[in-house]
Amino acid sequence: MNNTTKQKYELAKRMLKGKIEIDEVALMTGLSEDVLKELKEEVAPANHDVEILKNLDTVDLDIGQILYDDFPDEEIDSEE
């Protein structure tokens, strides 16, 4: 693979990370849509491959107490 082809692949990966559609990336880089689909899977795996953590609280994560900012922005501005 020569440097020009390597740069096309790197450009395509950056564009796919930026959520640009495959057909637009194919038009700009000259790479086939089949190759781009493989690159997209490599860059951003499908959601079914990612384990999603649900129903967690601070005890489960062992991060201690969390403080929340309940002040509206107007009160903070008026104190200054």
Protein backbone atom coordinates (compact mmCIF):
# COMPACT_ATOMS: atom_id res chain seq x y z
CA MET A 1 0.00 0.00 0.00
CA ASN A 2 1.52 3.31 -1.03
CA ASN A 3 1.37 6.56 0.92
CA THR A 4 -1.53 7.95 -1.11
CA THR A 5 -3.71 4.94 -0.34
CA LYS A 6 -2.74 5.05 3.34
CA GLN A 7 -3.75 8.70 3.50
CA LYS A 8 -7.10 7.91 1.87
CA TYR A 9 -7.76 5.29 4.55
CA GLU A 10 -6.76 7.69 7.34
CA LEU A 11 -8.95 10.42 5.87
CA ALA A 12 -11.87 8.01 5.61
CA LYS A 13 -11.43 6.94 9.25
CA ARG A 14 -11.45 10.54 10.44
CA MET A 15 -14.52 11.32 8.36
CA LEU A 16 -16.36 8.26 9.67
CA LYS A 17 -15.49 9.22 13.25
CA GLY A 18 -17.04 12.60 12.47
CA LYS A 19 -20.32 10.88 11.56
CA ILE A 20 -20.12 11.65 7.83
CA GLU A 21 -22.24 9.28 5.73
CA ILE A 22 -20.54 6.41 3.91
CA ASP A 23 -21.70 7.52 0.47
CA GLU A 24 -20.19 10.99 0.98
CA VAL A 25 -16.90 9.51 2.23
CA ALA A 26 -16.81 7.20 -0.80
CA LEU A 27 -17.33 10.17 -3.11
CA MET A 28 -14.56 12.22 -1.49
CA THR A 29 -11.97 9.46 -1.03
CA GLY A 30 -12.65 7.18 -3.99
CA LEU A 31 -12.80 4.12 -1.73
CA SER A 32 -15.54 1.54 -2.24
CA GLU A 33 -18.53 1.42 0.09
CA ASP A 34 -17.67 -2.16 1.11
CA VAL A 35 -14.23 -1.04 2.32
CA LEU A 36 -15.79 1.93 4.10
CA LYS A 37 -18.32 -0.28 5.90
CA GLU A 38 -15.43 -2.36 7.25
CA LEU A 39 -13.60 0.79 8.33
CA LYS A 40 -16.72 2.15 10.00
CA GLU A 41 -17.12 -1.04 12.03
CA GLU A 42 -13.46 -0.78 13.03
CA VAL A 43 -13.76 2.89 14.00
CA ALA A 44 -17.15 2.75 15.76
CA PRO A 45 -18.32 -0.73 16.79
CA ALA A 46 -22.07 -1.35 16.73
CA ASN A 47 -24.08 -0.75 19.88
CA HIS A 48 -24.73 -4.45 20.34
CA ASP A 49 -20.99 -4.95 20.89
CA VAL A 50 -20.87 -2.39 23.69
CA GLU A 51 -21.93 -3.40 27.17
CA ILE A 52 -24.32 -0.83 28.58
CA LEU A 53 -24.45 -0.31 32.33
CA LYS A 54 -27.95 0.33 33.64
CA ASN A 55 -29.57 0.95 37.01
CA LEU A 56 -26.39 1.99 38.79
CA ASP A 57 -26.17 4.35 41.71
CA THR A 58 -23.30 5.83 43.71
CA VAL A 59 -23.12 2.81 46.00
CA ASP A 60 -22.62 0.46 43.02
CA LEU A 61 -19.89 2.67 41.61
CA ASP A 62 -18.26 3.25 45.03
CA ILE A 63 -17.65 6.94 44.33
CA GLY A 64 -19.13 8.31 47.54
CA GLN A 65 -21.58 11.12 47.93
CA ILE A 66 -22.28 13.38 44.96
CA LEU A 67 -23.07 17.05 45.48
CA TYR A 68 -25.58 18.68 43.17
CA ASP A 69 -25.70 22.34 42.23
CA ASP A 70 -29.29 23.43 42.82
CA PHE A 71 -28.71 27.16 42.37
CA PRO A 72 -30.29 28.75 39.32
CA ASP A 73 -27.94 30.87 37.26
CA GLU A 74 -29.82 34.07 38.19
CA GLU A 75 -28.98 33.73 41.91
CA ILE A 76 -25.29 33.29 41.20
CA ASP A 77 -25.20 36.34 38.92
CA SER A 78 -27.05 38.53 41.44
CA GLU A 79 -24.59 37.73 44.27
CA GLU A 80 -21.65 39.20 42.37
